[in-house]
Amino acid sequence: MNLKKAAGIEAAKFVKDGMIIGLGTGSTAYYMVEEIGRRIREEGLKITGVTTSNATKEQAKKLNIPLKSIDEVSKVDLTIDGADEISQNFQGIKGGGAALLFEKIVATYSKQIIWIVDESKLVDKLGKFPLPIEVIPYGSQQLMRLFTEKGYHPVLRKTKSNQTLLTDSGHYIIDLHLQTIDAPETLAKYLDQLVGVVEHGLFLNMVSKVIVASTHGVTVTETPHSLKIDHENN
């Protein structure tokens, strides 16, 4: 069984007529977008999609999913996206697909967020997956130096052809090899105030539901953050 596909199909069940849906990026989100396309085609589902990357936008267009940009909507009803790591207390690292900036913008304006993963993404503490930091090119070597001094083991992300990777916004990504993040919120605040850092891959206190596909089946877990998110949107 393809676990990523199973999670993606399960998540698409939460999509209802008339919703504005944030369409995530990555190998698991791909199957969710495909399933929404199938529901539009076969069931007459009527939704508007807001994409989190150029890759997802191209996929959605091929599936004839109606699209608007985040600036053309007041709120997103539900965003469904993957995650690279989810800790026991439902904090996340995202950005392995280099789309963290758009993903966090869409997530910030979403009433509800579902993360879809296979069981390999569940961890006790965040940090084994390298933490992506999106930075502007100018001054990026200064940030590399700073992160090295901090003991964060930074690596400038490259493409398969060994060119410096550019995000959809033309930025660089520095991956921090931290192994363990004991205080994610403290680290997030530190990164937020660094000049030249556009965004980081710590997605904290955001997710409403987590859908996990394993060899035993698919589970849907409501997180403690969902109550806080509902309160903020009422």
Foldseek 3Di string as FASTA:
>chain_A
DPQLLQLLLVVLVPDAAPFEEEQADDDSSLNVLVNVLVCCVPVVGHYEYEYQAPVVVVSNVVSVHHYDHPVVDQAGAEYEYEFQAAAPQGKTFDCPVPRQLSVVVNLVRYLAYEYEEAPVRYDNFDAQFWKKWWFAPVCVVVVVVVCVVVVQPKDWDADPVRHRDAGRVGTTIITGRGNGDPDVVVVLVVLVPDPGTPHIRTGPLRHQWYWYGYPVGIDIDGHPSSVVSNVVVD
